[in-house]
All heavy atoms as atom14 arrays in JSON, in Angstrom:
{
  "sequence": "GMGTLGPSDIMPAQVEFGAVESGGGSEDSRTWDWNSPFWRELGAPWG",
  "atom14_mask": [
    [1, 1, 1, 1, 0, 0, 0, 0, 0, 0, 0, 0, 0, 0],
    [1, 1, 1, 1, 1, 1, 1, 1, 0, 0, 0, 0, 0, 0],
    [1, 1, 1, 1, 0, 0, 0, 0, 0, 0, 0, 0, 0, 0],
    [1, 1, 1, 1, 1, 1, 1, 0, 0, 0, 0, 0, 0, 0],
    [1, 1, 1, 1, 1, 1, 1, 1, 0, 0, 0, 0, 0, 0],
    [1, 1, 1, 1, 0, 0, 0, 0, 0, 0, 0, 0, 0, 0],
    [1, 1, 1, 1, 1, 1, 1, 0, 0, 0, 0, 0, 0, 0],
    [1, 1, 1, 1, 1, 1, 0, 0, 0, 0, 0, 0, 0, 0],
    [1, 1, 1, 1, 1, 1, 1, 1, 0, 0, 0, 0, 0, 0],
    [1, 1, 1, 1, 1, 1, 1, 1, 0, 0, 0, 0, 0, 0],
    [1, 1, 1, 1, 1, 1, 1, 1, 0, 0, 0, 0, 0, 0],
    [1, 1, 1, 1, 1, 1, 1, 0, 0, 0, 0, 0, 0, 0],
    [1, 1, 1, 1, 1, 0, 0, 0, 0, 0, 0, 0, 0, 0],
    [1, 1, 1, 1, 1, 1, 1, 1, 1, 0, 0, 0, 0, 0],
    [1, 1, 1, 1, 1, 1, 1, 0, 0, 0, 0, 0, 0, 0],
    [1, 1, 1, 1, 1, 1, 1, 1, 1, 0, 0, 0, 0, 0],
    [1, 1, 1, 1, 1, 1, 1, 1, 1, 1, 1, 0, 0, 0],
    [1, 1, 1, 1, 0, 0, 0, 0, 0, 0, 0, 0, 0, 0],
    [1, 1, 1, 1, 1, 0, 0, 0, 0, 0, 0, 0, 0, 0],
    [1, 1, 1, 1, 1, 1, 1, 0, 0, 0, 0, 0, 0, 0],
    [1, 1, 1, 1, 1, 1, 1, 1, 1, 0, 0, 0, 0, 0],
    [1, 1, 1, 1, 1, 1, 0, 0, 0, 0, 0, 0, 0, 0],
    [1, 1, 1, 1, 0, 0, 0, 0, 0, 0, 0, 0, 0, 0],
    [1, 1, 1, 1, 0, 0, 0, 0, 0, 0, 0, 0, 0, 0],
    [1, 1, 1, 1, 0, 0, 0, 0, 0, 0, 0, 0, 0, 0],
    [1, 1, 1, 1, 1, 1, 0, 0, 0, 0, 0, 0, 0, 0],
    [1, 1, 1, 1, 1, 1, 1, 1, 1, 0, 0, 0, 0, 0],
    [1, 1, 1, 1, 1, 1, 1, 1, 0, 0, 0, 0, 0, 0],
    [1, 1, 1, 1, 1, 1, 0, 0, 0, 0, 0, 0, 0, 0],
    [1, 1, 1, 1, 1, 1, 1, 1, 1, 1, 1, 0, 0, 0],
    [1, 1, 1, 1, 1, 1, 1, 0, 0, 0, 0, 0, 0, 0],
    [1, 1, 1, 1, 1, 1, 1, 1, 1, 1, 1, 1, 1, 1],
    [1, 1, 1, 1, 1, 1, 1, 1, 0, 0, 0, 0, 0, 0],
    [1, 1, 1, 1, 1, 1, 1, 1, 1, 1, 1, 1, 1, 1],
    [1, 1, 1, 1, 1, 1, 1, 1, 0, 0, 0, 0, 0, 0],
    [1, 1, 1, 1, 1, 1, 0, 0, 0, 0, 0, 0, 0, 0],
    [1, 1, 1, 1, 1, 1, 1, 0, 0, 0, 0, 0, 0, 0],
    [1, 1, 1, 1, 1, 1, 1, 1, 1, 1, 1, 0, 0, 0],
    [1, 1, 1, 1, 1, 1, 1, 1, 1, 1, 1, 1, 1, 1],
    [1, 1, 1, 1, 1, 1, 1, 1, 1, 1, 1, 0, 0, 0],
    [1, 1, 1, 1, 1, 1, 1, 1, 1, 0, 0, 0, 0, 0],
    [1, 1, 1, 1, 1, 1, 1, 1, 0, 0, 0, 0, 0, 0],
    [1, 1, 1, 1, 0, 0, 0, 0, 0, 0, 0, 0, 0, 0],
    [1, 1, 1, 1, 1, 0, 0, 0, 0, 0, 0, 0, 0, 0],
    [1, 1, 1, 1, 1, 1, 1, 0, 0, 0, 0, 0, 0, 0],
    [1, 1, 1, 1, 1, 1, 1, 1, 1, 1, 1, 1, 1, 1],
    [1, 1, 1, 1, 0, 0, 0, 0, 0, 0, 0, 0, 0, 0]
  ],
  "atom14_positions": [
    [[-20.54, 5.17, 28.83], [-21.82, 4.53, 28.64], [-22.33, 4.92, 27.26], [-21.55, 5.16, 26.34], [0.0, 0.0, 0.0], [0.0, 0.0, 0.0], [0.0, 0.0, 0.0], [0.0, 0.0, 0.0], [0.0, 0.0, 0.0], [0.0, 0.0, 0.0], [0.0, 0.0, 0.0], [0.0, 0.0, 0.0], [0.0, 0.0, 0.0], [0.0, 0.0, 0.0]],
    [[-23.63, 5.03, 27.11], [-24.21, 5.38, 25.81], [-24.49, 6.87, 25.66], [-24.43, 7.39, 24.55], [-25.51, 4.59, 25.6], [-25.3, 3.1, 25.39], [-24.52, 2.7, 23.82], [-25.86, 3.04, 22.68], [0.0, 0.0, 0.0], [0.0, 0.0, 0.0], [0.0, 0.0, 0.0], [0.0, 0.0, 0.0], [0.0, 0.0, 0.0], [0.0, 0.0, 0.0]],
    [[-24.81, 7.54, 26.75], [-25.14, 8.95, 26.64], [-26.25, 9.16, 25.63], [-27.28, 8.48, 25.66], [0.0, 0.0, 0.0], [0.0, 0.0, 0.0], [0.0, 0.0, 0.0], [0.0, 0.0, 0.0], [0.0, 0.0, 0.0], [0.0, 0.0, 0.0], [0.0, 0.0, 0.0], [0.0, 0.0, 0.0], [0.0, 0.0, 0.0], [0.0, 0.0, 0.0]],
    [[-26.02, 10.07, 24.69], [-27.0, 10.32, 23.64], [-26.7, 9.53, 22.36], [-27.38, 9.71, 21.35], [-27.05, 11.83, 23.29], [-25.75, 12.25, 22.85], [-27.47, 12.65, 24.5], [0.0, 0.0, 0.0], [0.0, 0.0, 0.0], [0.0, 0.0, 0.0], [0.0, 0.0, 0.0], [0.0, 0.0, 0.0], [0.0, 0.0, 0.0], [0.0, 0.0, 0.0]],
    [[-25.69, 8.68, 22.41], [-25.37, 7.85, 21.23], [-26.43, 6.78, 21.04], [-26.96, 6.23, 22.01], [-24.01, 7.18, 21.41], [-22.79, 8.1, 21.57], [-21.54, 7.27, 21.88], [-22.58, 8.93, 20.31], [0.0, 0.0, 0.0], [0.0, 0.0, 0.0], [0.0, 0.0, 0.0], [0.0, 0.0, 0.0], [0.0, 0.0, 0.0], [0.0, 0.0, 0.0]],
    [[-26.72, 6.47, 19.8], [-27.64, 5.38, 19.49], [-26.88, 4.15, 19.06], [-25.7, 4.24, 18.69], [0.0, 0.0, 0.0], [0.0, 0.0, 0.0], [0.0, 0.0, 0.0], [0.0, 0.0, 0.0], [0.0, 0.0, 0.0], [0.0, 0.0, 0.0], [0.0, 0.0, 0.0], [0.0, 0.0, 0.0], [0.0, 0.0, 0.0], [0.0, 0.0, 0.0]],
    [[-27.51, 2.98, 19.06], [-26.83, 1.75, 18.64], [-26.2, 1.84, 17.26], [-25.14, 1.28, 17.01], [-27.95, 0.7, 18.68], [-28.92, 1.24, 19.68], [-28.88, 2.73, 19.52], [0.0, 0.0, 0.0], [0.0, 0.0, 0.0], [0.0, 0.0, 0.0], [0.0, 0.0, 0.0], [0.0, 0.0, 0.0], [0.0, 0.0, 0.0], [0.0, 0.0, 0.0]],
    [[-26.83, 2.59, 16.35], [-26.3, 2.69, 14.99], [-25.06, 3.57, 14.92], [-24.35, 3.57, 13.91], [-27.36, 3.25, 14.05], [-27.74, 4.56, 14.44], [0.0, 0.0, 0.0], [0.0, 0.0, 0.0], [0.0, 0.0, 0.0], [0.0, 0.0, 0.0], [0.0, 0.0, 0.0], [0.0, 0.0, 0.0], [0.0, 0.0, 0.0], [0.0, 0.0, 0.0]],
    [[-24.79, 4.33, 15.99], [-23.61, 5.2, 16.01], [-22.34, 4.44, 16.38], [-21.23, 4.95, 16.2], [-23.79, 6.33, 17.04], [-24.96, 7.23, 16.73], [-25.18, 7.52, 15.54], [-25.66, 7.64, 17.68], [0.0, 0.0, 0.0], [0.0, 0.0, 0.0], [0.0, 0.0, 0.0], [0.0, 0.0, 0.0], [0.0, 0.0, 0.0], [0.0, 0.0, 0.0]],
    [[-22.5, 3.22, 16.93], [-21.39, 2.5, 17.54], [-21.04, 1.25, 16.75], [-21.91, 0.47, 16.37], [-21.73, 2.12, 18.99], [-21.95, 3.4, 19.83], [-20.64, 1.28, 19.62], [-22.52, 3.15, 21.18], [0.0, 0.0, 0.0], [0.0, 0.0, 0.0], [0.0, 0.0, 0.0], [0.0, 0.0, 0.0], [0.0, 0.0, 0.0], [0.0, 0.0, 0.0]],
    [[-19.76, 1.07, 16.49], [-19.28, -0.11, 15.78], [-19.27, -1.33, 16.71], [-18.68, -1.26, 17.79], [-17.87, 0.13, 15.25], [-17.75, 1.24, 14.23], [-18.62, 0.87, 12.68], [-20.16, 1.77, 12.9], [0.0, 0.0, 0.0], [0.0, 0.0, 0.0], [0.0, 0.0, 0.0], [0.0, 0.0, 0.0], [0.0, 0.0, 0.0], [0.0, 0.0, 0.0]],
    [[-19.93, -2.42, 16.34], [-19.92, -3.62, 17.19], [-18.52, -4.22, 17.28], [-17.8, -4.31, 16.28], [-20.89, -4.58, 16.47], [-21.69, -3.71, 15.56], [-20.78, -2.59, 15.16], [0.0, 0.0, 0.0], [0.0, 0.0, 0.0], [0.0, 0.0, 0.0], [0.0, 0.0, 0.0], [0.0, 0.0, 0.0], [0.0, 0.0, 0.0], [0.0, 0.0, 0.0]],
    [[-18.13, -4.63, 18.48], [-16.84, -5.3, 18.68], [-16.91, -6.72, 18.14], [-17.99, -7.34, 18.12], [-16.49, -5.32, 20.16], [0.0, 0.0, 0.0], [0.0, 0.0, 0.0], [0.0, 0.0, 0.0], [0.0, 0.0, 0.0], [0.0, 0.0, 0.0], [0.0, 0.0, 0.0], [0.0, 0.0, 0.0], [0.0, 0.0, 0.0], [0.0, 0.0, 0.0]],
    [[-15.79, -7.23, 17.69], [-15.69, -8.62, 17.22], [-15.51, -9.52, 18.45], [-14.43, -9.98, 18.76], [-14.54, -8.75, 16.23], [-14.8, -8.0, 14.93], [-13.58, -7.9, 14.04], [-13.12, -6.8, 13.73], [-13.06, -9.04, 13.6], [0.0, 0.0, 0.0], [0.0, 0.0, 0.0], [0.0, 0.0, 0.0], [0.0, 0.0, 0.0], [0.0, 0.0, 0.0]],
    [[-16.63, -9.75, 19.14], [-16.58, -10.38, 20.45], [-16.12, -11.85, 20.41], [-15.79, -12.41, 21.44], [-17.94, -10.29, 21.17], [-18.26, -8.85, 21.55], [-19.06, -10.87, 20.31], [0.0, 0.0, 0.0], [0.0, 0.0, 0.0], [0.0, 0.0, 0.0], [0.0, 0.0, 0.0], [0.0, 0.0, 0.0], [0.0, 0.0, 0.0], [0.0, 0.0, 0.0]],
    [[-16.08, -12.44, 19.2], [-15.57, -13.82, 19.14], [-14.11, -13.88, 19.57], [-13.59, -14.95, 19.9], [-15.74, -14.38, 17.73], [-14.98, -13.65, 16.63], [-15.77, -12.51, 15.99], [-16.66, -11.95, 16.66], [-15.5, -12.2, 14.82], [0.0, 0.0, 0.0], [0.0, 0.0, 0.0], [0.0, 0.0, 0.0], [0.0, 0.0, 0.0], [0.0, 0.0, 0.0]],
    [[-13.43, -12.71, 19.57], [-12.05, -12.64, 20.04], [-11.95, -11.89, 21.37], [-10.88, -11.41, 21.74], [-11.18, -11.91, 19.01], [-11.14, -12.57, 17.66], [-11.78, -11.98, 16.57], [-10.48, -13.76, 17.46], [-11.75, -12.57, 15.31], [-10.44, -14.36, 16.22], [-11.07, -13.76, 15.14], [0.0, 0.0, 0.0], [0.0, 0.0, 0.0], [0.0, 0.0, 0.0]],
    [[-13.06, -11.75, 22.06], [-13.11, -10.9, 23.24], [-12.19, -11.33, 24.36], [-11.79, -12.5, 24.47], [0.0, 0.0, 0.0], [0.0, 0.0, 0.0], [0.0, 0.0, 0.0], [0.0, 0.0, 0.0], [0.0, 0.0, 0.0], [0.0, 0.0, 0.0], [0.0, 0.0, 0.0], [0.0, 0.0, 0.0], [0.0, 0.0, 0.0], [0.0, 0.0, 0.0]],
    [[-11.83, -10.36, 25.2], [-10.99, -10.63, 26.36], [-11.74, -11.5, 27.36], [-12.97, -11.55, 27.37], [-10.57, -9.32, 27.02], [0.0, 0.0, 0.0], [0.0, 0.0, 0.0], [0.0, 0.0, 0.0], [0.0, 0.0, 0.0], [0.0, 0.0, 0.0], [0.0, 0.0, 0.0], [0.0, 0.0, 0.0], [0.0, 0.0, 0.0], [0.0, 0.0, 0.0]],
    [[-10.97, -12.19, 28.19], [-11.56, -13.11, 29.17], [-12.58, -12.4, 30.05], [-13.67, -12.92, 30.31], [-10.45, -13.73, 30.04], [-11.05, -14.55, 31.16], [-9.52, -14.59, 29.19], [0.0, 0.0, 0.0], [0.0, 0.0, 0.0], [0.0, 0.0, 0.0], [0.0, 0.0, 0.0], [0.0, 0.0, 0.0], [0.0, 0.0, 0.0], [0.0, 0.0, 0.0]],
    [[-12.23, -11.18, 30.51], [-13.14, -10.47, 31.42], [-14.43, -10.04, 30.74], [-15.4, -9.67, 31.4], [-12.43, -9.26, 32.04], [-12.1, -8.14, 31.09], [-10.73, -8.27, 30.46], [-10.12, -9.37, 30.53], [-10.27, -7.27, 29.87], [0.0, 0.0, 0.0], [0.0, 0.0, 0.0], [0.0, 0.0, 0.0], [0.0, 0.0, 0.0], [0.0, 0.0, 0.0]],
    [[-14.47, -10.08, 29.39], [-15.7, -9.73, 28.67], [-16.43, -10.96, 28.17], [-17.36, -10.86, 27.38], [-15.37, -8.82, 27.49], [-14.7, -9.54, 26.47], [0.0, 0.0, 0.0], [0.0, 0.0, 0.0], [0.0, 0.0, 0.0], [0.0, 0.0, 0.0], [0.0, 0.0, 0.0], [0.0, 0.0, 0.0], [0.0, 0.0, 0.0], [0.0, 0.0, 0.0]],
    [[-16.01, -12.12, 28.62], [-16.66, -13.36, 28.23], [-15.88, -14.19, 27.24], [-16.23, -15.33, 26.96], [0.0, 0.0, 0.0], [0.0, 0.0, 0.0], [0.0, 0.0, 0.0], [0.0, 0.0, 0.0], [0.0, 0.0, 0.0], [0.0, 0.0, 0.0], [0.0, 0.0, 0.0], [0.0, 0.0, 0.0], [0.0, 0.0, 0.0], [0.0, 0.0, 0.0]],
    [[-14.83, -13.6, 26.66], [-13.97, -14.34, 25.75], [-14.68, -14.89, 24.53], [-14.22, -15.85, 23.91], [0.0, 0.0, 0.0], [0.0, 0.0, 0.0], [0.0, 0.0, 0.0], [0.0, 0.0, 0.0], [0.0, 0.0, 0.0], [0.0, 0.0, 0.0], [0.0, 0.0, 0.0], [0.0, 0.0, 0.0], [0.0, 0.0, 0.0], [0.0, 0.0, 0.0]],
    [[-15.8, -14.29, 24.16], [-16.54, -14.75, 22.99], [-17.42, -15.96, 23.24], [-17.99, -16.52, 22.29], [0.0, 0.0, 0.0], [0.0, 0.0, 0.0], [0.0, 0.0, 0.0], [0.0, 0.0, 0.0], [0.0, 0.0, 0.0], [0.0, 0.0, 0.0], [0.0, 0.0, 0.0], [0.0, 0.0, 0.0], [0.0, 0.0, 0.0], [0.0, 0.0, 0.0]],
    [[-17.56, -16.38, 24.49], [-18.36, -17.57, 24.78], [-19.84, -17.3, 24.55], [-20.32, -16.16, 24.68], [-18.15, -18.01, 26.24], [-18.64, -17.02, 27.13], [0.0, 0.0, 0.0], [0.0, 0.0, 0.0], [0.0, 0.0, 0.0], [0.0, 0.0, 0.0], [0.0, 0.0, 0.0], [0.0, 0.0, 0.0], [0.0, 0.0, 0.0], [0.0, 0.0, 0.0]],
    [[-20.57, -18.35, 24.21], [-22.0, -18.22, 23.91], [-22.78, -17.71, 25.11], [-23.72, -16.92, 24.98], [-22.55, -19.57, 23.44], [-23.97, -19.51, 22.92], [-24.12, -18.63, 21.67], [-23.19, -18.61, 20.84], [-25.17, -17.97, 21.55], [0.0, 0.0, 0.0], [0.0, 0.0, 0.0], [0.0, 0.0, 0.0], [0.0, 0.0, 0.0], [0.0, 0.0, 0.0]],
    [[-22.38, -18.15, 26.33], [-23.16, -17.77, 27.51], [-22.87, -16.33, 27.99], [-23.45, -15.88, 28.98], [-22.93, -18.76, 28.66], [-21.48, -18.84, 29.12], [-20.65, -18.08, 28.58], [-21.19, -19.66, 30.0], [0.0, 0.0, 0.0], [0.0, 0.0, 0.0], [0.0, 0.0, 0.0], [0.0, 0.0, 0.0], [0.0, 0.0, 0.0], [0.0, 0.0, 0.0]],
    [[-21.97, -15.62, 27.3], [-21.7, -14.23, 27.69], [-22.43, -13.22, 26.8], [-22.2, -12.02, 26.93], [-20.19, -13.96, 27.62], [-19.72, -14.0, 26.29], [0.0, 0.0, 0.0], [0.0, 0.0, 0.0], [0.0, 0.0, 0.0], [0.0, 0.0, 0.0], [0.0, 0.0, 0.0], [0.0, 0.0, 0.0], [0.0, 0.0, 0.0], [0.0, 0.0, 0.0]],
    [[-23.31, -13.71, 25.93], [-23.96, -12.8, 24.97], [-24.74, -11.68, 25.63], [-24.85, -10.59, 25.08], [-24.93, -13.61, 24.08], [-24.25, -14.64, 23.2], [-23.52, -14.01, 22.04], [-22.79, -14.99, 21.25], [-22.28, -14.74, 20.06], [-22.46, -13.55, 19.52], [-21.61, -15.67, 19.42], [0.0, 0.0, 0.0], [0.0, 0.0, 0.0], [0.0, 0.0, 0.0]],
    [[-25.28, -11.93, 26.83], [-26.09, -10.88, 27.47], [-25.25, -9.89, 28.25], [-25.79, -8.92, 28.78], [-27.14, -11.5, 28.42], [-26.47, -12.13, 29.52], [-28.01, -12.5, 27.69], [0.0, 0.0, 0.0], [0.0, 0.0, 0.0], [0.0, 0.0, 0.0], [0.0, 0.0, 0.0], [0.0, 0.0, 0.0], [0.0, 0.0, 0.0], [0.0, 0.0, 0.0]],
    [[-23.92, -10.13, 28.35], [-23.09, -9.2, 29.11], [-21.73, -8.91, 28.46], [-20.87, -8.26, 29.05], [-22.89, -9.68, 30.55], [-22.35, -11.08, 30.72], [-23.07, -12.22, 30.83], [-20.97, -11.48, 30.82], [-22.24, -13.31, 30.99], [-20.94, -12.88, 30.99], [-19.76, -10.78, 30.79], [-19.76, -13.61, 31.14], [-18.57, -11.5, 30.93], [-18.58, -12.89, 31.1]],
    [[-21.55, -9.35, 27.22], [-20.26, -9.09, 26.57], [-20.18, -7.64, 26.1], [-21.07, -6.82, 26.36], [-20.01, -10.09, 25.43], [-20.97, -9.93, 24.25], [-21.64, -8.88, 24.12], [-21.07, -10.88, 23.44], [0.0, 0.0, 0.0], [0.0, 0.0, 0.0], [0.0, 0.0, 0.0], [0.0, 0.0, 0.0], [0.0, 0.0, 0.0], [0.0, 0.0, 0.0]],
    [[-19.12, -7.28, 25.39], [-18.9, -5.9, 24.97], [-20.03, -5.32, 24.12], [-20.25, -4.11, 24.12], [-17.6, -5.8, 24.18], [-16.37, -5.82, 25.03], [-16.23, -5.35, 26.31], [-15.08, -6.31, 24.65], [-14.94, -5.52, 26.75], [-14.21, -6.12, 25.75], [-14.58, -6.91, 23.5], [-12.86, -6.48, 25.72], [-13.24, -7.27, 23.46], [-12.39, -7.07, 24.57]],
    [[-20.75, -6.16, 23.4], [-21.82, -5.67, 22.52], [-23.19, -5.64, 23.19], [-24.15, -5.18, 22.6], [-21.91, -6.53, 21.25], [-20.74, -6.3, 20.32], [-20.09, -5.26, 20.36], [-20.46, -7.29, 19.48], [0.0, 0.0, 0.0], [0.0, 0.0, 0.0], [0.0, 0.0, 0.0], [0.0, 0.0, 0.0], [0.0, 0.0, 0.0], [0.0, 0.0, 0.0]],
    [[-23.27, -6.13, 24.39], [-24.58, -6.22, 25.06], [-25.06, -4.84, 25.52], [-24.25, -3.99, 25.89], [-24.5, -7.15, 26.27], [-23.66, -6.59, 27.28], [0.0, 0.0, 0.0], [0.0, 0.0, 0.0], [0.0, 0.0, 0.0], [0.0, 0.0, 0.0], [0.0, 0.0, 0.0], [0.0, 0.0, 0.0], [0.0, 0.0, 0.0], [0.0, 0.0, 0.0]],
    [[-26.37, -4.61, 25.5], [-26.89, -3.36, 26.05], [-26.44, -3.13, 27.49], [-26.18, -1.99, 27.89], [-28.41, -3.55, 25.95], [-28.6, -4.49, 24.8], [-27.43, -5.44, 24.9], [0.0, 0.0, 0.0], [0.0, 0.0, 0.0], [0.0, 0.0, 0.0], [0.0, 0.0, 0.0], [0.0, 0.0, 0.0], [0.0, 0.0, 0.0], [0.0, 0.0, 0.0]],
    [[-26.35, -4.21, 28.27], [-25.9, -4.07, 29.66], [-24.54, -3.38, 29.72], [-24.36, -2.39, 30.44], [-25.82, -5.44, 30.33], [-24.97, -5.44, 31.58], [-25.42, -4.83, 32.74], [-23.7, -6.02, 31.58], [-24.62, -4.79, 33.88], [-22.9, -6.0, 32.71], [-23.36, -5.38, 33.87], [0.0, 0.0, 0.0], [0.0, 0.0, 0.0], [0.0, 0.0, 0.0]],
    [[-23.57, -3.91, 28.98], [-22.22, -3.36, 29.09], [-22.12, -1.98, 28.44], [-21.47, -1.08, 28.97], [-21.2, -4.3, 28.46], [-19.79, -3.79, 28.64], [-18.99, -3.22, 27.7], [-19.07, -3.73, 29.87], [-17.8, -2.83, 28.26], [-17.82, -3.14, 29.59], [-19.36, -4.14, 31.18], [-16.86, -2.95, 30.59], [-18.39, -3.94, 32.17], [-17.16, -3.35, 31.85]],
    [[-22.79, -1.8, 27.32], [-22.74, -0.52, 26.63], [-23.26, 0.61, 27.51], [-22.77, 1.73, 27.48], [-23.57, -0.58, 25.34], [-23.09, -1.56, 24.29], [-21.87, -1.08, 23.55], [-21.51, -1.93, 22.43], [-20.48, -1.73, 21.63], [-19.69, -0.69, 21.84], [-20.21, -2.54, 20.63], [0.0, 0.0, 0.0], [0.0, 0.0, 0.0], [0.0, 0.0, 0.0]],
    [[-24.29, 0.31, 28.29], [-24.94, 1.35, 29.08], [-24.36, 1.51, 30.49], [-24.57, 2.54, 31.13], [-26.44, 1.06, 29.17], [-27.15, 1.15, 27.82], [-28.54, 0.55, 27.83], [-29.0, 0.14, 28.92], [-29.17, 0.49, 26.76], [0.0, 0.0, 0.0], [0.0, 0.0, 0.0], [0.0, 0.0, 0.0], [0.0, 0.0, 0.0], [0.0, 0.0, 0.0]],
    [[-23.62, 0.5, 30.97], [-23.12, 0.52, 32.34], [-22.24, 1.73, 32.62], [-22.31, 2.33, 33.7], [-22.36, -0.77, 32.65], [-21.82, -0.92, 34.07], [-22.96, -0.99, 35.09], [-20.92, -2.15, 34.18], [0.0, 0.0, 0.0], [0.0, 0.0, 0.0], [0.0, 0.0, 0.0], [0.0, 0.0, 0.0], [0.0, 0.0, 0.0], [0.0, 0.0, 0.0]],
    [[-21.41, 2.08, 31.66], [-20.51, 3.22, 31.88], [-19.38, 2.89, 32.82], [-19.01, 3.73, 33.67], [0.0, 0.0, 0.0], [0.0, 0.0, 0.0], [0.0, 0.0, 0.0], [0.0, 0.0, 0.0], [0.0, 0.0, 0.0], [0.0, 0.0, 0.0], [0.0, 0.0, 0.0], [0.0, 0.0, 0.0], [0.0, 0.0, 0.0], [0.0, 0.0, 0.0]],
    [[-18.79, 1.72, 32.67], [-17.66, 1.34, 33.52], [-16.52, 2.32, 33.3], [-16.03, 2.46, 32.17], [-17.2, -0.08, 33.18], [0.0, 0.0, 0.0], [0.0, 0.0, 0.0], [0.0, 0.0, 0.0], [0.0, 0.0, 0.0], [0.0, 0.0, 0.0], [0.0, 0.0, 0.0], [0.0, 0.0, 0.0], [0.0, 0.0, 0.0], [0.0, 0.0, 0.0]],
    [[-16.08, 3.03, 34.33], [-15.04, 4.05, 34.13], [-13.7, 3.49, 33.71], [-12.84, 4.22, 33.23], [-14.95, 4.75, 35.5], [-15.55, 3.79, 36.47], [-16.58, 3.01, 35.72], [0.0, 0.0, 0.0], [0.0, 0.0, 0.0], [0.0, 0.0, 0.0], [0.0, 0.0, 0.0], [0.0, 0.0, 0.0], [0.0, 0.0, 0.0], [0.0, 0.0, 0.0]],
    [[-13.54, 2.17, 33.87], [-12.27, 1.56, 33.47], [-12.3, 1.05, 32.02], [-11.25, 0.73, 31.48], [-11.92, 0.4, 34.4], [-12.82, -0.8, 34.3], [-12.67, -1.86, 33.45], [-13.99, -1.08, 35.07], [-13.67, -2.79, 33.64], [-14.49, -2.33, 34.64], [-14.66, -0.41, 36.1], [-15.65, -2.91, 35.19], [-15.8, -0.99, 36.65], [-16.28, -2.22, 36.19]],
    [[-13.48, 0.97, 31.4], [-13.49, 0.4, 30.05], [-14.76, 0.58, 29.26], [-14.91, -0.01, 28.2], [0.0, 0.0, 0.0], [0.0, 0.0, 0.0], [0.0, 0.0, 0.0], [0.0, 0.0, 0.0], [0.0, 0.0, 0.0], [0.0, 0.0, 0.0], [0.0, 0.0, 0.0], [0.0, 0.0, 0.0], [0.0, 0.0, 0.0], [0.0, 0.0, 0.0]]
  ]
}
């Protein structure tokens, strides 16, 4: 997840090439893709 890291500490992923499970760079996945606060903070143990 984010822990004590801030947004400026983390390099944004090039989500236009994102994997299918992360939205594949589609416009409608902006709120849950790899760069979204939701995904960054979720702390998915697999990714």
